[in-house]
């Protein structure tokens, strides 16, 4: 399952359908562009609470999943712990991998 998830996240990155970082994801959620939000389990508690609250308010599906090092490696963007998928198709596919 992780191999498929890694592939899909890589495809999303190469097609520029993924955004990185808490601030960027927060801004894009306000603009209605984030279709699925992935928050690493080891993200700071306050950041996690703030993003979850905003995702629920904006009705953006989200998952608290994996470790930031693993997700950063999968996306090829080191040091990030929050990821926003901006394409509906990629969001559905990645969501099915994370939430079977």
N, C-alpha and C. Protein backbone atom coordinates (compact mmCIF):
# COMPACT_ATOMS: atom_id res chain seq x y z
N UNK A 1 0.82 -1.19 0.00
CA UNK A 1 0.00 0.00 0.00
C UNK A 1 0.87 1.26 0.00
N UNK A 2 1.96 1.25 0.78
CA UNK A 2 2.83 2.42 0.82
C UNK A 2 3.48 2.69 -0.53
N UNK A 3 3.77 1.63 -1.30
CA UNK A 3 4.37 1.82 -2.61
C UNK A 3 3.43 2.59 -3.53
N UNK A 4 2.15 2.22 -3.51
CA UNK A 4 1.17 2.92 -4.34
C UNK A 4 1.01 4.36 -3.89
N UNK A 5 0.92 4.56 -2.57
CA UNK A 5 0.78 5.91 -2.05
C UNK A 5 1.98 6.76 -2.46
N UNK A 6 3.17 6.19 -2.36
CA UNK A 6 4.38 6.92 -2.76
C UNK A 6 4.32 7.29 -4.24
N UNK A 7 3.86 6.37 -5.08
CA UNK A 7 3.73 6.65 -6.51
C UNK A 7 2.74 7.77 -6.77
N UNK A 8 1.58 7.69 -6.12
CA UNK A 8 0.55 8.71 -6.35
C UNK A 8 1.00 10.09 -5.87
N UNK A 9 1.67 10.13 -4.72
CA UNK A 9 2.19 11.41 -4.23
C UNK A 9 3.26 11.96 -5.18
N UNK A 10 4.07 11.06 -5.72
CA UNK A 10 5.08 11.48 -6.70
C UNK A 10 4.45 12.02 -7.98
N UNK A 11 3.39 11.34 -8.45
CA UNK A 11 2.67 11.82 -9.64
C UNK A 11 2.05 13.19 -9.37
N UNK A 12 1.46 13.35 -8.19
CA UNK A 12 0.84 14.63 -7.84
C UNK A 12 1.89 15.74 -7.80
N UNK A 13 3.07 15.43 -7.29
CA UNK A 13 4.14 16.44 -7.24
C UNK A 13 4.60 16.81 -8.65
N UNK A 14 4.81 15.79 -9.48
CA UNK A 14 5.29 16.07 -10.84
C UNK A 14 4.26 16.83 -11.68
N UNK A 15 2.99 16.61 -11.38
CA UNK A 15 1.94 17.32 -12.13
C UNK A 15 1.52 18.62 -11.44
N UNK A 16 2.25 18.98 -10.39
CA UNK A 16 2.02 20.22 -9.64
C UNK A 16 0.63 20.30 -9.03
N UNK A 17 0.17 19.17 -8.51
CA UNK A 17 -1.14 19.11 -7.86
C UNK A 17 -1.02 18.88 -6.36
N UNK A 18 0.12 19.25 -5.80
CA UNK A 18 0.33 19.13 -4.36
C UNK A 18 1.03 20.39 -3.87
N UNK A 19 0.61 20.84 -2.70
CA UNK A 19 1.26 21.99 -2.08
C UNK A 19 1.81 21.57 -0.73
N UNK A 20 2.80 22.29 -0.24
CA UNK A 20 3.54 21.89 0.95
C UNK A 20 3.52 22.99 2.00
N UNK A 21 3.51 22.58 3.26
CA UNK A 21 3.64 23.52 4.37
C UNK A 21 2.32 23.97 4.94
N UNK A 22 2.31 24.19 6.24
CA UNK A 22 1.09 24.57 6.95
C UNK A 22 0.54 25.91 6.46
N UNK A 23 1.40 26.91 6.32
CA UNK A 23 0.95 28.23 5.90
C UNK A 23 0.34 28.23 4.51
N UNK A 24 1.01 27.56 3.60
CA UNK A 24 0.52 27.50 2.21
C UNK A 24 -0.81 26.74 2.15
N UNK A 25 -0.88 25.62 2.85
CA UNK A 25 -2.12 24.83 2.85
C UNK A 25 -3.27 25.61 3.47
N UNK A 26 -2.97 26.35 4.54
CA UNK A 26 -4.00 27.17 5.19
C UNK A 26 -4.52 28.24 4.23
N UNK A 27 -3.63 28.91 3.55
CA UNK A 27 -4.01 29.94 2.58
C UNK A 27 -4.84 29.34 1.44
N UNK A 28 -4.41 28.22 0.91
CA UNK A 28 -5.12 27.61 -0.22
C UNK A 28 -6.46 27.01 0.21
N UNK A 29 -6.57 26.56 1.46
CA UNK A 29 -7.88 26.09 1.94
C UNK A 29 -8.86 27.26 1.95
N UNK A 30 -8.39 28.43 2.37
CA UNK A 30 -9.25 29.61 2.38
C UNK A 30 -9.72 29.98 0.97
N UNK A 31 -8.90 29.68 -0.02
CA UNK A 31 -9.26 29.97 -1.41
C UNK A 31 -10.06 28.83 -2.05
N UNK A 32 -10.25 27.73 -1.32
CA UNK A 32 -11.04 26.60 -1.82
C UNK A 32 -10.30 25.71 -2.78
N UNK A 33 -8.98 25.74 -2.76
CA UNK A 33 -8.20 24.96 -3.73
C UNK A 33 -7.74 23.60 -3.22
N UNK A 34 -7.75 23.39 -1.92
CA UNK A 34 -7.29 22.12 -1.36
C UNK A 34 -8.45 21.14 -1.35
N UNK A 35 -8.23 19.97 -1.98
CA UNK A 35 -9.26 18.94 -2.06
C UNK A 35 -9.06 17.85 -1.01
N UNK A 36 -7.83 17.72 -0.52
CA UNK A 36 -7.52 16.73 0.52
C UNK A 36 -6.28 17.19 1.25
N UNK A 37 -6.31 17.13 2.57
CA UNK A 37 -5.22 17.61 3.40
C UNK A 37 -4.60 16.43 4.15
N UNK A 38 -3.29 16.32 4.08
CA UNK A 38 -2.57 15.28 4.81
C UNK A 38 -1.67 15.96 5.83
N UNK A 39 -1.86 15.59 7.09
CA UNK A 39 -1.07 16.15 8.19
C UNK A 39 -0.28 15.00 8.80
N UNK A 40 1.03 15.14 8.88
CA UNK A 40 1.87 14.10 9.47
C UNK A 40 1.56 13.97 10.96
N UNK A 41 1.66 12.75 11.48
CA UNK A 41 1.37 12.48 12.88
C UNK A 41 2.29 13.24 13.82
N UNK A 42 3.51 13.50 13.39
CA UNK A 42 4.47 14.18 14.27
C UNK A 42 4.50 15.70 14.08
N UNK A 43 3.46 16.24 13.49
CA UNK A 43 3.32 17.70 13.38
C UNK A 43 3.03 18.26 14.77
N UNK A 44 3.50 19.45 15.03
CA UNK A 44 3.26 20.09 16.33
C UNK A 44 1.76 20.12 16.64
N UNK A 45 1.42 19.88 17.91
CA UNK A 45 0.02 19.77 18.31
C UNK A 45 -0.80 21.01 17.98
N UNK A 46 -0.26 22.19 18.24
CA UNK A 46 -1.02 23.41 17.96
C UNK A 46 -1.27 23.58 16.47
N UNK A 47 -0.27 23.27 15.66
CA UNK A 47 -0.43 23.35 14.19
C UNK A 47 -1.48 22.35 13.73
N UNK A 48 -1.39 21.14 14.27
CA UNK A 48 -2.34 20.10 13.90
C UNK A 48 -3.77 20.52 14.25
N UNK A 49 -3.98 21.02 15.46
CA UNK A 49 -5.32 21.44 15.89
C UNK A 49 -5.84 22.57 15.01
N UNK A 50 -4.99 23.54 14.71
CA UNK A 50 -5.38 24.68 13.88
C UNK A 50 -5.80 24.24 12.48
N UNK A 51 -5.00 23.36 11.87
CA UNK A 51 -5.31 22.89 10.52
C UNK A 51 -6.56 22.01 10.48
N UNK A 52 -6.71 21.15 11.48
CA UNK A 52 -7.90 20.29 11.53
C UNK A 52 -9.15 21.14 11.69
N UNK A 53 -9.08 22.12 12.56
CA UNK A 53 -10.21 23.02 12.78
C UNK A 53 -10.59 23.74 11.48
N UNK A 54 -9.59 24.25 10.79
CA UNK A 54 -9.86 24.95 9.54
C UNK A 54 -10.39 24.00 8.47
N UNK A 55 -9.82 22.80 8.39
CA UNK A 55 -10.29 21.82 7.40
C UNK A 55 -11.76 21.46 7.65
N UNK A 56 -12.11 21.28 8.91
CA UNK A 56 -13.51 20.97 9.23
C UNK A 56 -14.42 22.15 8.90
N UNK A 57 -13.98 23.34 9.21
CA UNK A 57 -14.77 24.54 8.92
C UNK A 57 -14.96 24.73 7.41
N UNK A 58 -13.91 24.45 6.64
CA UNK A 58 -13.97 24.63 5.18
C UNK A 58 -14.48 23.38 4.45
N UNK A 59 -14.80 22.33 5.22
CA UNK A 59 -15.28 21.05 4.68
C UNK A 59 -14.28 20.41 3.73
N UNK A 60 -13.01 20.46 4.13
CA UNK A 60 -11.94 19.81 3.37
C UNK A 60 -11.64 18.48 4.05
N UNK A 61 -11.74 17.36 3.33
CA UNK A 61 -11.38 16.08 3.95
C UNK A 61 -9.90 16.08 4.31
N UNK A 62 -9.57 15.44 5.42
CA UNK A 62 -8.17 15.42 5.86
C UNK A 62 -7.85 14.09 6.52
N UNK A 63 -6.55 13.84 6.67
CA UNK A 63 -6.08 12.66 7.38
C UNK A 63 -4.83 13.03 8.15
N UNK A 64 -4.72 12.49 9.35
CA UNK A 64 -3.49 12.58 10.12
C UNK A 64 -2.82 11.23 9.88
N UNK A 65 -1.73 11.26 9.13
CA UNK A 65 -1.17 10.01 8.62
C UNK A 65 0.35 10.10 8.51
N UNK A 66 1.03 9.03 8.89
CA UNK A 66 2.46 8.88 8.65
C UNK A 66 3.34 9.87 9.39
N UNK A 67 4.62 9.73 9.15
CA UNK A 67 5.62 10.61 9.75
C UNK A 67 6.09 11.61 8.71
N UNK A 68 6.47 12.79 9.18
CA UNK A 68 6.85 13.85 8.24
C UNK A 68 8.05 13.46 7.39
N UNK A 69 9.02 12.73 7.97
CA UNK A 69 10.18 12.30 7.18
C UNK A 69 9.78 11.39 6.03
N UNK A 70 8.88 10.45 6.30
CA UNK A 70 8.43 9.53 5.26
C UNK A 70 7.64 10.26 4.17
N UNK A 71 6.71 11.10 4.59
CA UNK A 71 5.89 11.84 3.62
C UNK A 71 6.75 12.81 2.81
N UNK A 72 7.70 13.45 3.47
CA UNK A 72 8.60 14.37 2.76
C UNK A 72 9.42 13.62 1.71
N UNK A 73 9.89 12.44 2.08
CA UNK A 73 10.66 11.64 1.13
C UNK A 73 9.79 11.22 -0.05
N UNK A 74 8.55 10.82 0.22
CA UNK A 74 7.64 10.39 -0.85
C UNK A 74 7.35 11.51 -1.84
N UNK A 75 7.29 12.73 -1.33
CA UNK A 75 6.95 13.86 -2.20
C UNK A 75 8.18 14.56 -2.76
N UNK A 76 9.35 14.22 -2.24
CA UNK A 76 10.57 14.84 -2.72
C UNK A 76 10.76 16.27 -2.23
N UNK A 77 10.12 16.60 -1.12
CA UNK A 77 10.22 17.94 -0.56
C UNK A 77 10.56 17.83 0.92
N UNK A 78 11.83 17.81 1.27
CA UNK A 78 12.24 17.55 2.65
C UNK A 78 11.82 18.63 3.65
N UNK A 79 11.57 18.18 4.88
CA UNK A 79 11.27 19.10 5.96
C UNK A 79 9.84 19.59 6.04
N UNK A 80 8.93 18.94 5.37
CA UNK A 80 7.52 19.36 5.39
C UNK A 80 6.70 18.33 6.16
N UNK A 81 5.62 18.80 6.78
CA UNK A 81 4.77 17.88 7.52
C UNK A 81 3.29 18.05 7.19
N UNK A 82 2.97 19.00 6.31
CA UNK A 82 1.58 19.23 5.90
C UNK A 82 1.55 19.30 4.38
N UNK A 83 0.60 18.57 3.79
CA UNK A 83 0.51 18.46 2.34
C UNK A 83 -0.94 18.65 1.91
N UNK A 84 -1.14 19.43 0.89
CA UNK A 84 -2.48 19.65 0.35
C UNK A 84 -2.55 19.17 -1.09
N UNK A 85 -3.52 18.33 -1.38
CA UNK A 85 -3.73 17.85 -2.74
C UNK A 85 -4.75 18.78 -3.39
N UNK A 86 -4.40 19.33 -4.55
CA UNK A 86 -5.25 20.35 -5.18
C UNK A 86 -6.07 19.83 -6.36
N UNK A 87 -5.91 18.58 -6.72
CA UNK A 87 -6.66 18.00 -7.83
C UNK A 87 -7.64 16.98 -7.27
N UNK A 88 -8.89 17.06 -7.69
CA UNK A 88 -9.94 16.17 -7.18
C UNK A 88 -9.63 14.70 -7.45
N UNK A 89 -9.14 14.39 -8.64
CA UNK A 89 -8.83 13.00 -9.00
C UNK A 89 -7.71 12.43 -8.13
N UNK A 90 -6.62 13.17 -8.00
CA UNK A 90 -5.53 12.72 -7.13
C UNK A 90 -6.01 12.62 -5.68
N UNK A 91 -6.83 13.56 -5.26
CA UNK A 91 -7.34 13.55 -3.88
C UNK A 91 -8.12 12.26 -3.61
N UNK A 92 -8.97 11.86 -4.54
CA UNK A 92 -9.75 10.62 -4.36
C UNK A 92 -8.86 9.39 -4.30
N UNK A 93 -7.89 9.31 -5.21
CA UNK A 93 -7.00 8.16 -5.26
C UNK A 93 -6.15 8.07 -3.99
N UNK A 94 -5.57 9.19 -3.59
CA UNK A 94 -4.70 9.19 -2.41
C UNK A 94 -5.52 8.93 -1.15
N UNK A 95 -6.69 9.48 -1.09
CA UNK A 95 -7.57 9.23 0.08
C UNK A 95 -7.90 7.76 0.21
N UNK A 96 -8.15 7.08 -0.89
CA UNK A 96 -8.44 5.64 -0.85
C UNK A 96 -7.24 4.84 -0.37
N UNK A 97 -6.04 5.30 -0.65
CA UNK A 97 -4.83 4.61 -0.18
C UNK A 97 -4.62 4.81 1.32
N UNK A 98 -4.93 6.00 1.81
CA UNK A 98 -4.72 6.31 3.22
C UNK A 98 -5.87 5.78 4.07
N UNK A 99 -7.10 5.90 3.59
CA UNK A 99 -8.28 5.47 4.33
C UNK A 99 -8.98 4.34 3.57
N UNK A 100 -8.48 3.12 3.67
CA UNK A 100 -9.06 2.01 2.88
C UNK A 100 -10.50 1.68 3.21
